[in-house]
PDB file of N, CA and C in Angstrom:
ATOM      1  N   MET A   1     125.237 161.768  91.916  1.00  0.00           N
ATOM      2  CA  MET A   1     126.100 161.725  90.748  1.00  0.00           C
ATOM      3  C   MET A   1     126.694 160.326  90.557  1.00  0.00           C
ATOM      4  N   ALA A   2     127.092 159.695  91.672  1.00  0.00           N
ATOM      5  CA  ALA A   2     127.695 158.362  91.579  1.00  0.00           C
ATOM      6  C   ALA A   2     126.700 157.348  91.030  1.00  0.00           C
ATOM      7  N   ASP A   3     125.404 157.473  91.409  1.00  0.00           N
ATOM      8  CA  ASP A   3     124.382 156.556  90.900  1.00  0.00           C
ATOM      9  C   ASP A   3     124.198 156.724  89.398  1.00  0.00           C
ATOM     10  N   LEU A   4     124.278 157.966  88.922  1.00  0.00           N
ATOM     11  CA  LEU A   4     124.138 158.237  87.494  1.00  0.00           C
ATOM     12  C   LEU A   4     125.295 157.610  86.711  1.00  0.00           C
ATOM     13  N   VAL A   5     126.503 157.739  87.234  1.00  0.00           N
ATOM     14  CA  VAL A   5     127.672 157.146  86.592  1.00  0.00           C
ATOM     15  C   VAL A   5     127.545 155.629  86.580  1.00  0.00           C
ATOM     16  N   LYS A   6     127.100 155.066  87.701  1.00  0.00           N
ATOM     17  CA  LYS A   6     126.940 153.614  87.789  1.00  0.00           C
ATOM     18  C   LYS A   6     125.883 153.127  86.806  1.00  0.00           C
ATOM     19  N   LEU A   7     124.773 153.845  86.698  1.00  0.00           N
ATOM     20  CA  LEU A   7     123.709 153.482  85.760  1.00  0.00           C
ATOM     21  C   LEU A   7     124.221 153.548  84.327  1.00  0.00           C
ATOM     22  N   ASP A   8     124.928 154.617  83.991  1.00  0.00           N
ATOM     23  CA  ASP A   8     125.481 154.764  82.648  1.00  0.00           C
ATOM     24  C   ASP A   8     126.506 153.675  82.357  1.00  0.00           C
ATOM     25  N   LEU A   9     127.304 153.304  83.351  1.00  0.00           N
ATOM     26  CA  LEU A   9     128.301 152.259  83.184  1.00  0.00           C
ATOM     27  C   LEU A   9     127.622 150.915  82.932  1.00  0.00           C
ATOM     28  N   HIS A  10     126.559 150.642  83.672  1.00  0.00           N
ATOM     29  CA  HIS A  10     125.816 149.398  83.459  1.00  0.00           C
ATOM     30  C   HIS A  10     125.211 149.373  82.054  1.00  0.00           C
ATOM     31  N   GLN A  11     124.625 150.472  81.642  1.00  0.00           N
ATOM     32  CA  GLN A  11     124.024 150.552  80.307  1.00  0.00           C
ATOM     33  C   GLN A  11     125.096 150.410  79.235  1.00  0.00           C
ATOM     34  N   PHE A  12     126.234 151.058  79.430  1.00  0.00           N
ATOM     35  CA  PHE A  12     127.345 150.967  78.489  1.00  0.00           C
ATOM     36  C   PHE A  12     127.793 149.518  78.326  1.00  0.00           C
ATOM     37  N   PHE A  13     127.983 148.818  79.444  1.00  0.00           N
ATOM     38  CA  PHE A  13     128.454 147.430  79.367  1.00  0.00           C
ATOM     39  C   PHE A  13     127.379 146.488  78.851  1.00  0.00           C
ATOM     40  N   TYR A  14     126.140 146.776  79.150  1.00  0.00           N
ATOM     41  CA  TYR A  14     125.053 145.974  78.603  1.00  0.00           C
ATOM     42  C   TYR A  14     125.087 146.045  77.072  1.00  0.00           C
ATOM     43  N   GLU A  15     125.258 147.254  76.555  1.00  0.00           N
ATOM     44  CA  GLU A  15     125.328 147.437  75.095  1.00  0.00           C
ATOM     45  C   GLU A  15     126.566 146.764  74.515  1.00  0.00           C
ATOM     46  N   LYS A  16     127.698 146.877  75.179  1.00  0.00           N
ATOM     47  CA  LYS A  16     128.937 146.240  74.695  1.00  0.00           C
ATOM     48  C   LYS A  16     128.824 144.719  74.732  1.00  0.00           C
ATOM     49  N   LEU A  17     128.194 144.188  75.768  1.00  0.00           N
ATOM     50  CA  LEU A  17     127.972 142.743  75.845  1.00  0.00           C
ATOM     51  C   LEU A  17     127.073 142.278  74.704  1.00  0.00           C
ATOM     52  N   GLN A  18     126.010 143.033  74.460  1.00  0.00           N
ATOM     53  CA  GLN A  18     125.084 142.679  73.374  1.00  0.00           C
ATOM     54  C   GLN A  18     125.804 142.731  72.024  1.00  0.00           C
ATOM     55  N   GLN A  19     126.631 143.742  71.826  1.00  0.00           N
ATOM     56  CA  GLN A  19     127.385 143.851  70.574  1.00  0.00           C
ATOM     57  C   GLN A  19     128.373 142.704  70.415  1.00  0.00           C
ATOM     58  N   ALA A  20     129.069 142.362  71.477  1.00  0.00           N
ATOM     59  CA  ALA A  20     130.037 141.266  71.416  1.00  0.00           C
ATOM     60  C   ALA A  20     129.336 139.936  71.163  1.00  0.00           C
ATOM     61  N   LYS A  21     128.185 139.744  71.783  1.00  0.00           N
ATOM     62  CA  LYS A  21     127.412 138.517  71.554  1.00  0.00           C
ATOM     63  C   LYS A  21     126.952 138.445  70.099  1.00  0.00           C
ATOM     64  N   THR A  22     126.422 139.534  69.590  1.00  0.00           N
ATOM     65  CA  THR A  22     125.967 139.579  68.196  1.00  0.00           C
ATOM     66  C   THR A  22     127.128 139.350  67.241  1.00  0.00           C
ATOM     67  N   HIS A  23     128.269 139.954  67.536  1.00  0.00           N
ATOM     68  CA  HIS A  23     129.450 139.786  66.695  1.00  0.00           C
ATOM     69  C   HIS A  23     129.884 138.313  66.660  1.00  0.00           C
ATOM     70  N   PHE A  24     129.900 137.672  67.824  1.00  0.00           N
ATOM     71  CA  PHE A  24     130.270 136.259  67.871  1.00  0.00           C
ATOM     72  C   PHE A  24     129.260 135.409  67.104  1.00  0.00           C
ATOM     73  N   GLU A  25     127.990 135.687  67.292  1.00  0.00           N
ATOM     74  CA  GLU A  25     126.967 134.893  66.610  1.00  0.00           C
ATOM     75  C   GLU A  25     127.007 135.091  65.094  1.00  0.00           C
ATOM     76  N   ARG A  26     127.305 136.299  64.652  1.00  0.00           N
ATOM     77  CA  ARG A  26     127.452 136.527  63.203  1.00  0.00           C
ATOM     78  C   ARG A  26     128.666 135.774  62.670  1.00  0.00           C
ATOM     79  N   ALA A  27     129.745 135.770  63.431  1.00  0.00           N
ATOM     80  CA  ALA A  27     130.939 135.010  63.021  1.00  0.00           C
ATOM     81  C   ALA A  27     130.640 133.519  63.017  1.00  0.00           C
ATOM     82  N   LEU A  28     129.908 133.069  64.009  1.00  0.00           N
ATOM     83  CA  LEU A  28     129.531 131.665  64.115  1.00  0.00           C
ATOM     84  C   LEU A  28     128.700 131.229  62.905  1.00  0.00           C
ATOM     85  N   ASP A  29     127.833 132.116  62.448  1.00  0.00           N
ATOM     86  CA  ASP A  29     126.954 131.828  61.307  1.00  0.00           C
ATOM     87  C   ASP A  29     127.601 132.160  59.960  1.00  0.00           C
ATOM     88  N   CYS A  30     128.887 132.524  60.002  1.00  0.00           N
ATOM     89  CA  CYS A  30     129.629 132.897  58.782  1.00  0.00           C
ATOM     90  C   CYS A  30     128.994 134.086  58.058  1.00  0.00           C
ATOM     91  N   LYS A  31     128.420 134.998  58.821  1.00  0.00           N
ATOM     92  CA  LYS A  31     127.860 136.219  58.245  1.00  0.00           C
ATOM     93  C   LYS A  31     128.915 137.319  58.292  1.00  0.00           C
ATOM     94  N   HIS A  32     128.656 138.378  57.567  1.00  0.00           N
ATOM     95  CA  HIS A  32     129.601 139.490  57.480  1.00  0.00           C
ATOM     96  C   HIS A  32     129.770 140.179  58.834  1.00  0.00           C
ATOM     97  N   THR A  33     131.022 140.472  59.179  1.00  0.00           N
ATOM     98  CA  THR A  33     131.343 141.255  60.377  1.00  0.00           C
ATOM     99  C   THR A  33     132.376 142.305  59.982  1.00  0.00           C
ATOM    100  N   ASP A  34     132.701 143.175  60.911  1.00  0.00           N
ATOM    101  CA  ASP A  34     133.740 144.177  60.656  1.00  0.00           C
ATOM    102  C   ASP A  34     135.079 143.522  60.339  1.00  0.00           C
ATOM    103  N   PHE A  35     135.289 142.348  60.874  1.00  0.00           N
ATOM    104  CA  PHE A  35     136.542 141.629  60.650  1.00  0.00           C
ATOM    105  C   PHE A  35     136.739 141.322  59.166  1.00  0.00           C
ATOM    106  N   ASP A  36     135.653 141.056  58.446  1.00  0.00           N
ATOM    107  CA  ASP A  36     135.734 140.803  57.008  1.00  0.00           C
ATOM    108  C   ASP A  36     136.290 142.014  56.269  1.00  0.00           C
ATOM    109  N   ASP A  37     135.910 143.201  56.736  1.00  0.00           N
ATOM    110  CA  ASP A  37     136.383 144.424  56.097  1.00  0.00           C
ATOM    111  C   ASP A  37     137.871 144.661  56.339  1.00  0.00           C
ATOM    112  N   LEU A  38     138.375 144.172  57.471  1.00  0.00           N
ATOM    113  CA  LEU A  38     139.791 144.339  57.781  1.00  0.00           C
ATOM    114  C   LEU A  38     140.684 143.468  56.904  1.00  0.00           C
ATOM    115  N   TYR A  39     140.175 142.283  56.571  1.00  0.00           N
ATOM    116  CA  TYR A  39     140.968 141.316  55.813  1.00  0.00           C
ATOM    117  C   TYR A  39     140.171 140.762  54.634  1.00  0.00           C
ATOM    118  N   PRO A  40     139.784 141.618  53.686  1.00  0.00           N
ATOM    119  CA  PRO A  40     138.939 141.136  52.582  1.00  0.00           C
ATOM    120  C   PRO A  40     139.637 140.093  51.705  1.00  0.00           C
ATOM    121  N   TYR A  41     140.928 140.140  51.639  1.00  0.00           N
ATOM    122  CA  TYR A  41     141.684 139.198  50.803  1.00  0.00           C
ATOM    123  C   TYR A  41     141.749 137.805  51.433  1.00  0.00           C
ATOM    124  N   MET A  42     141.355 137.681  52.696  1.00  0.00           N
ATOM    125  CA  MET A  42     141.437 136.402  53.397  1.00  0.00           C
ATOM    126  C   MET A  42     140.154 135.574  53.278  1.00  0.00           C
ATOM    127  N   ASN A  43     139.083 136.168  52.775  1.00  0.00           N
ATOM    128  CA  ASN A  43     137.792 135.479  52.710  1.00  0.00           C
ATOM    129  C   ASN A  43     137.848 134.130  52.013  1.00  0.00           C
ATOM    130  N   GLU A  44     138.758 133.977  51.097  1.00  0.00           N
ATOM    131  CA  GLU A  44     138.819 132.733  50.329  1.00  0.00           C
ATOM    132  C   GLU A  44     139.649 131.651  51.022  1.00  0.00           C
ATOM    133  N   GLN A  45     140.272 131.986  52.120  1.00  0.00           N
ATOM    134  CA  GLN A  45     141.087 131.017  52.851  1.00  0.00           C
ATOM    135  C   GLN A  45     140.220 130.227  53.819  1.00  0.00           C
ATOM    136  N   PRO A  46     140.298 128.901  53.814  1.00  0.00           N
ATOM    137  CA  PRO A  46     139.446 128.090  54.697  1.00  0.00           C
ATOM    138  C   PRO A  46     139.642 128.399  56.186  1.00  0.00           C
ATOM    139  N   GLN A  47     140.836 128.712  56.603  1.00  0.00           N
ATOM    140  CA  GLN A  47     141.097 128.975  58.020  1.00  0.00           C
ATOM    141  C   GLN A  47     140.569 130.339  58.465  1.00  0.00           C
ATOM    142  N   PHE A  48     140.187 131.183  57.508  1.00  0.00           N
ATOM    143  CA  PHE A  48     139.706 132.520  57.836  1.00  0.00           C
ATOM    144  C   PHE A  48     138.489 132.468  58.761  1.00  0.00           C
ATOM    145  N   PHE A  49     137.554 131.553  58.491  1.00  0.00           N
ATOM    146  CA  PHE A  49     136.317 131.512  59.278  1.00  0.00           C
ATOM    147  C   PHE A  49     136.587 131.066  60.706  1.00  0.00           C
ATOM    148  N   TRP A  50     137.523 130.162  60.893  1.00  0.00           N
ATOM    149  CA  TRP A  50     137.885 129.752  62.245  1.00  0.00           C
ATOM    150  C   TRP A  50     138.544 130.927  62.983  1.00  0.00           C
ATOM    151  N   TYR A  51     139.447 131.611  62.299  1.00  0.00           N
ATOM    152  CA  TYR A  51     140.134 132.740  62.914  1.00  0.00           C
ATOM    153  C   TYR A  51     139.136 133.847  63.256  1.00  0.00           C
ATOM    154  N   LYS A  52     138.203 134.099  62.366  1.00  0.00           N
ATOM    155  CA  LYS A  52     137.176 135.117  62.577  1.00  0.00           C
ATOM    156  C   LYS A  52     136.343 134.779  63.823  1.00  0.00           C
ATOM    157  N   ARG A  53     136.002 133.522  63.985  1.00  0.00           N
ATOM    158  CA  ARG A  53     135.245 133.094  65.168  1.00  0.00           C
ATOM    159  C   ARG A  53     136.081 133.242  66.430  1.00  0.00           C
ATOM    160  N   TYR A  54     137.345 132.900  66.337  1.00  0.00           N
ATOM    161  CA  TYR A  54     138.236 133.012  67.486  1.00  0.00           C
ATOM    162  C   TYR A  54     138.358 134.474  67.926  1.00  0.00           C
ATOM    163  N   VAL A  55     138.487 135.391  66.994  1.00  0.00           N
ATOM    164  CA  VAL A  55     138.600 136.813  67.319  1.00  0.00           C
ATOM    165  C   VAL A  55     137.318 137.305  67.995  1.00  0.00           C
ATOM    166  N   ALA A  56     136.171 136.912  67.458  1.00  0.00           N
ATOM    167  CA  ALA A  56     134.894 137.323  68.052  1.00  0.00           C
ATOM    168  C   ALA A  56     134.717 136.723  69.448  1.00  0.00           C
ATOM    169  N   TRP A  57     135.155 135.470  69.622  1.00  0.00           N
ATOM    170  CA  TRP A  57     135.088 134.800  70.930  1.00  0.00           C
ATOM    171  C   TRP A  57     135.978 135.541  71.934  1.00  0.00           C
ATOM    172  N   SER A  58     137.162 135.909  71.511  1.00  0.00           N
ATOM    173  CA  SER A  58     138.091 136.636  72.390  1.00  0.00           C
ATOM    174  C   SER A  58     137.495 137.976  72.801  1.00  0.00           C
ATOM    175  N   GLU A  59     136.857 138.644  71.865  1.00  0.00           N
ATOM    176  CA  GLU A  59     136.211 139.915  72.179  1.00  0.00           C
ATOM    177  C   GLU A  59     135.116 139.714  73.222  1.00  0.00           C
ATOM    178  N   LEU A  60     134.303 138.695  73.045  1.00  0.00           N
ATOM    179  CA  LEU A  60     133.232 138.404  73.992  1.00  0.00           C
ATOM    180  C   LEU A  60     133.796 138.117  75.379  1.00  0.00           C
ATOM    181  N   LEU A  61     134.822 137.293  75.452  1.00  0.00           N
ATOM    182  CA  LEU A  61     135.429 136.978  76.751  1.00  0.00           C
ATOM    183  C   LEU A  61     136.031 138.212  77.412  1.00  0.00           C
ATOM    184  N   THR A  62     136.598 139.100  76.627  1.00  0.00           N
ATOM    185  CA  THR A  62     137.196 140.324  77.171  1.00  0.00           C
ATOM    186  C   THR A  62     136.133 141.223  77.781  1.00  0.00           C
ATOM    187  N   VAL A  63     135.030 141.409  77.063  1.00  0.00           N
ATOM    188  CA  VAL A  63     133.962 142.266  77.583  1.00  0.00           C
ATOM    189  C   VAL A  63     133.345 141.645  78.841  1.00  0.00           C
ATOM    190  N   VAL A  64     133.166 140.326  78.840  1.00  0.00           N
ATOM    191  CA  VAL A  64     132.638 139.635  80.023  1.00  0.00           C
ATOM    192  C   VAL A  64     133.587 139.810  81.210  1.00  0.00           C
ATOM    193  N   LYS A  65     134.874 139.671  80.973  1.00  0.00           N
ATOM    194  CA  LYS A  65     135.859 139.822  82.051  1.00  0.00           C
ATOM    195  C   LYS A  65     135.795 141.223  82.663  1.00  0.00           C
ATOM    196  N   LEU A  66     135.706 142.235  81.810  1.00  0.00           N
ATOM    197  CA  LEU A  66     135.605 143.607  82.308  1.00  0.00           C
ATOM    198  C   LEU A  66     134.308 143.812  83.096  1.00  0.00           C
ATOM    199  N   ALA A  67     133.217 143.255  82.597  1.00  0.00           N
ATOM    200  CA  ALA A  67     131.941 143.370  83.313  1.00  0.00           C
ATOM    201  C   ALA A  67     132.043 142.712  84.689  1.00  0.00           C
ATOM    202  N   GLU A  68     132.680 141.550  84.761  1.00  0.00           N
ATOM    203  CA  GLU A  68     132.848 140.874  86.053  1.00  0.00           C
ATOM    204  C   GLU A  68     133.692 141.716  87.006  1.00  0.00           C
ATOM    205  N   GLU A  69     134.757 142.299  86.495  1.00  0.00           N
ATOM    206  CA  GLU A  69     135.621 143.124  87.343  1.00  0.00           C
ATOM    207  C   GLU A  69     134.881 144.336  87.885  1.00  0.00           C
ATOM    208  N   LEU A  70     133.907 144.835  87.120  1.00  0.00           N
ATOM    209  CA  LEU A  70     133.109 145.983  87.552  1.00  0.00           C
ATOM    210  C   LEU A  70     131.832 145.557  88.278  1.00  0.00           C
ATOM    211  N   GLU A  71     131.708 144.236  88.517  1.00  0.00           N
ATOM    212  CA  GLU A  71     130.555 143.660  89.207  1.00  0.00           C
ATOM    213  C   GLU A  71     129.244 143.972  88.495  1.00  0.00           C
ATOM    214  N   ILE A  72     129.273 143.862  87.179  1.00  0.00           N
ATOM    215  CA  ILE A  72     128.093 144.049  86.347  1.00  0.00           C
ATOM    216  C   ILE A  72     127.603 142.678  85.905  1.00  0.00           C
ATOM    217  N   ASP A  73     126.319 142.420  86.126  1.00  0.00           N
ATOM    218  CA  ASP A  73     125.750 141.121  85.769  1.00  0.00           C
ATOM    219  C   ASP A  73     125.651 141.004  84.248  1.00  0.00           C
ATOM    220  N   TRP A  74     126.366 140.060  83.710  1.00  0.00           N
ATOM    221  CA  TRP A  74     126.366 139.836  82.262  1.00  0.00           C
ATOM    222  C   TRP A  74     125.570 138.595  81.879  1.00  0.00           C
ATOM    223  N   LYS A  75     125.285 137.760  82.845  1.00  0.00           N
ATOM    224  CA  LYS A  75     124.689 136.450  82.562  1.00  0.00           C
ATOM    225  C   LYS A  75     123.246 136.511  82.073  1.00  0.00           C
ATOM    226  N   THR A  76     122.575 137.620  82.325  1.00  0.00           N
ATOM    227  CA  THR A  76     121.175 137.726  81.924  1.00  0.00           C
ATOM    228  C   THR A  76     120.999 137.751  80.405  1.00  0.00           C
ATOM    229  N   LEU A  77     122.043 138.083  79.675  1.00  0.00           N
ATOM    230  CA  LEU A  77     121.969 138.140  78.207  1.00  0.00           C
ATOM    231  C   LEU A  77     122.154 136.778  77.544  1.00  0.00           C
ATOM    232  N   PHE A  78     122.505 135.771  78.325  1.00  0.00           N
ATOM    233  CA  PHE A  78     122.895 134.482  77.766  1.00  0.00           C
ATOM    234  C   PHE A  78     122.067 133.360  78.368  1.00  0.00           C
ATOM    235  N   THR A  79     121.982 132.256  77.626  1.00  0.00           N
ATOM    236  CA  THR A  79     121.335 131.065  78.172  1.00  0.00           C
ATOM    237  C   THR A  79     122.285 130.439  79.190  1.00  0.00           C
ATOM    238  N   GLU A  80     121.756 129.517  79.968  1.00  0.00           N
ATOM    239  CA  GLU A  80     122.576 128.827  80.967  1.00  0.00           C
ATOM    240  C   GLU A  80     123.742 128.081  80.295  1.00  0.00           C
ATOM    241  N   GLN A  81     123.461 127.462  79.176  1.00  0.00           N
ATOM    242  CA  GLN A  81     124.508 126.729  78.456  1.00  0.00           C
ATOM    243  C   GLN A  81     125.576 127.675  77.919  1.00  0.00           C
ATOM    244  N   GLN A  82     125.161 128.819  77.395  1.00  0.00           N
ATOM    245  CA  GLN A  82     126.120 129.804  76.896  1.00  0.00           C
ATOM    246  C   GLN A  82     126.996 130.333  78.026  1.00  0.00           C
ATOM    247  N   VAL A  83     126.408 130.543  79.185  1.00  0.00           N
ATOM    248  CA  VAL A  83     127.180 130.989  80.352  1.00  0.00           C
ATOM    249  C   VAL A  83     128.238 129.957  80.702  1.00  0.00           C
ATOM    250  N   SER A  84     127.874 128.676  80.656  1.00  0.00           N
ATOM    251  CA  SER A  84     128.859 127.631  80.983  1.00  0.00           C
ATOM    252  C   SER A  84     129.976 127.605  79.942  1.00  0.00           C
ATOM    253  N   PHE A  85     129.663 127.846  78.677  1.00  0.00           N
ATOM    254  CA  PHE A  85     130.709 127.922  77.652  1.00  0.00           C
ATOM    255  C   PHE A  85     131.649 129.105  77.916  1.00  0.00           C
ATOM    256  N   ILE A  86     131.060 130.247  78.249  1.00  0.00           N
ATOM    257  CA  ILE A  86     131.867 131.443  78.517  1.00  0.00           C
ATOM    258  C   ILE A  86     132.725 131.226  79.758  1.00  0.00           C
ATOM    259  N   ASP A  87     132.152 130.626  80.790  1.00  0.00           N
ATOM    260  CA  ASP A  87     132.928 130.327  82.001  1.00  0.00           C
ATOM    261  C   ASP A  87     134.086 129.381  81.689  1.00  0.00           C
ATOM    262  N   GLY A  88     133.885 128.470  80.740  1.00  0.00           N
ATOM    263  CA  GLY A  88     134.935 127.530  80.334  1.00  0.00           C
ATOM    264  C   GLY A  88     136.045 128.185  79.535  1.00  0.00           C
ATOM    265  N   LYS A  89     135.738 129.313  78.917  1.00  0.00           N
ATOM    266  CA  LYS A  89     136.673 130.161  78.189  1.00  0.00           C
ATOM    267  C   LYS A  89     137.265 129.576  76.903  1.00  0.00           C
ATOM    268  N   VAL A  90     137.263 128.282  76.719  1.00  0.00           N
ATOM    269  CA  VAL A  90     137.905 127.677  75.553  1.00  0.00           C
ATOM    270  C   VAL A  90     136.885 127.512  74.430  1.00  0.00           C
ATOM    271  N   LEU A  91     137.237 128.003  73.263  1.00  0.00           N
ATOM    272  CA  LEU A  91     136.370 127.862  72.101  1.00  0.00           C
ATOM    273  C   LEU A  91     136.581 126.482  71.502  1.00  0.00           C
ATOM    274  N   GLN A  92     135.666 125.592  71.816  1.00  0.00           N
ATOM    275  CA  GLN A  92     135.747 124.215  71.342  1.00  0.00           C
ATOM    276  C   GLN A  92     134.634 123.969  70.331  1.00  0.00           C
ATOM    277  N   GLY A  93     134.719 122.825  69.675  1.00  0.00           N
ATOM    278  CA  GLY A  93     133.696 122.456  68.718  1.00  0.00           C
ATOM    279  C   GLY A  93     132.308 122.421  69.318  1.00  0.00           C
ATOM    280  N   LYS A  94     132.207 122.002  70.595  1.00  0.00           N
ATOM    281  CA  LYS A  94     130.885 121.924  71.225  1.00  0.00           C
ATOM    282  C   LYS A  94     130.270 123.315  71.395  1.00  0.00           C
ATOM    283  N   VAL A  95     131.108 124.330  71.555  1.00  0.00           N
ATOM    284  CA  VAL A  95     130.591 125.699  71.635  1.00  0.00           C
ATOM    285  C   VAL A  95     129.982 126.071  70.288  1.00  0.00           C
ATOM    286  N   LEU A  96     130.697 125.763  69.223  1.00  0.00           N
ATOM    287  CA  LEU A  96     130.206 126.082  67.888  1.00  0.00           C
ATOM    288  C   LEU A  96     128.936 125.309  67.562  1.00  0.00           C
ATOM    289  N   ASP A  97     128.881 124.052  67.969  1.00  0.00           N
ATOM    290  CA  ASP A  97     127.739 123.188  67.653  1.00  0.00           C
ATOM    291  C   ASP A  97     126.524 123.429  68.531  1.00  0.00           C
ATOM    292  N   HIS A  98     126.741 123.894  69.763  1.00  0.00           N
ATOM    293  CA  HIS A  98     125.637 123.975  70.724  1.00  0.00           C
ATOM    294  C   HIS A  98     125.453 125.373  71.317  1.00  0.00           C
ATOM    295  N   TRP A  99     125.924 126.403  70.647  1.00  0.00           N
ATOM    296  CA  TRP A  99     125.774 127.763  71.162  1.00  0.00           C
ATOM    297  C   TRP A  99     124.303 128.156  71.247  1.00  0.00           C
ATOM    298  N   TYR A 100     123.569 127.847  70.198  1.00  0.00           N
ATOM    299  CA  TYR A 100     122.159 128.203  70.158  1.00  0.00           C
ATOM    300  C   TYR A 100     121.330 127.160  70.899  1.00  0.00           C
ATOM    301  N   PRO A 101     120.233 127.594  71.533  1.00  0.00           N
ATOM    302  CA  PRO A 101     119.354 126.625  72.201  1.00  0.00           C
ATOM    303  C   PRO A 101     118.836 125.589  71.200  1.00  0.00           C
ATOM    304  N   GLU A 102     118.546 124.404  71.692  1.00  0.00           N
ATOM    305  CA  GLU A 102     118.116 123.290  70.836  1.00  0.00           C
ATOM    306  C   GLU A 102     116.917 123.632  69.968  1.00  0.00           C
ATOM    307  N   GLU A 103     115.930 124.363  70.502  1.00  0.00           N
ATOM    308  CA  GLU A 103     114.750 124.675  69.701  1.00  0.00           C
ATOM    309  C   GLU A 103     115.108 125.551  68.505  1.00  0.00           C
ATOM    310  N   ASP A 104     116.124 126.418  68.647  1.00  0.00           N
ATOM    311  CA  ASP A 104     116.593 127.213  67.511  1.00  0.00           C
ATOM    312  C   ASP A 104     117.196 126.312  66.454  1.00  0.00           C
ATOM    313  N   ASN A 105     117.962 125.311  66.867  1.00  0.00           N
ATOM    314  CA  ASN A 105     118.584 124.384  65.928  1.00  0.00           C
ATOM    315  C   ASN A 105     117.542 123.580  65.167  1.00  0.00           C
ATOM    316  N   VAL A 106     116.479 123.175  65.845  1.00  0.00           N
ATOM    317  CA  VAL A 106     115.416 122.400  65.203  1.00  0.00           C
ATOM    318  C   VAL A 106     114.715 123.260  64.152  1.00  0.00           C
ATOM    319  N   GLN A 107     114.412 124.512  64.502  1.00  0.00           N
ATOM    320  CA  GLN A 107     113.761 125.407  63.551  1.00  0.00           C
ATOM    321  C   GLN A 107     114.654 125.667  62.346  1.00  0.00           C
ATOM    322  N   GLU A 108     115.951 125.837  62.580  1.00  0.00           N
ATOM    323  CA  GLU A 108     116.896 126.077  61.500  1.00  0.00           C
ATOM    324  C   GLU A 108     116.963 124.880  60.560  1.00  0.00           C
ATOM    325  N   GLU A 109     116.961 123.669  61.114  1.00  0.00           N
ATOM    326  CA  GLU A 109     116.994 122.461  60.299  1.00  0.00           C
ATOM    327  C   GLU A 109     115.730 122.359  59.446  1.00  0.00           C
ATOM    328  N   LYS A 110     114.572 122.711  60.008  1.00  0.00           N
ATOM    329  CA  LYS A 110     113.334 122.667  59.246  1.00  0.00           C
ATOM    330  C   LYS A 110     113.377 123.655  58.093  1.00  0.00           C
ATOM    331  N   LEU A 111     113.920 124.857  58.330  1.00  0.00           N
ATOM    332  CA  LEU A 111     114.052 125.854  57.271  1.00  0.00           C
ATOM    333  C   LEU A 111     114.969 125.349  56.160  1.00  0.00           C
ATOM    334  N   GLU A 112     116.075 124.731  56.539  1.00  0.00           N
ATOM    335  CA  GLU A 112     117.001 124.199  55.552  1.00  0.00           C
ATOM    336  C   GLU A 112     116.341 123.121  54.701  1.00  0.00           C
ATOM    337  N   GLN A 113     115.513 122.288  55.329  1.00  0.00           N
ATOM    338  CA  GLN A 113     114.830 121.234  54.593  1.00  0.00           C
ATOM    339  C   GLN A 113     113.809 121.831  53.625  1.00  0.00           C
ATOM    340  N   LEU A 114     113.140 122.898  54.023  1.00  0.00           N
ATOM    341  CA  LEU A 114     112.178 123.557  53.138  1.00  0.00           C
ATOM    342  C   LEU A 114     112.857 124.200  51.944  1.00  0.00           C
ATOM    343  N   GLU A 115     114.055 124.729  52.154  1.00  0.00           N
ATOM    344  CA  GLU A 115     114.792 125.377  51.082  1.00  0.00           C
ATOM    345  C   GLU A 115     115.275 124.376  50.041  1.00  0.00           C
ATOM    346  N   GLU A 116     115.505 123.135  50.460  1.00  0.00           N
ATOM    347  CA  GLU A 116     115.973 122.099  49.540  1.00  0.00           C
ATOM    348  C   GLU A 116     114.837 121.677  48.688  1.00  0.00           C
TER     349      GLU A 116
END
């Protein structure tokens, strides 16, 4: 029974980590999140996007902290650079600029150039 609970707990946290990561990445990309629905009147405020990213970052750090306390490996979902950002805990400009691996950034730039 204990193994079943442990397996379910690992699966539960794996899903929560994936959701928190996706939520942060959607906020990072200025895409719609649940947070937009909470404060629809704030969308036009320039500081809204920074606050939205900060909330998503805090959520990600909280889920990671809980996973660590339960000795659940969370690092497999992230790149080495992302792990170092999470370990640093502070949401800085370099996190926003370098969250995605470099090859993703190059592909994104090529797409933007094609759209122009």
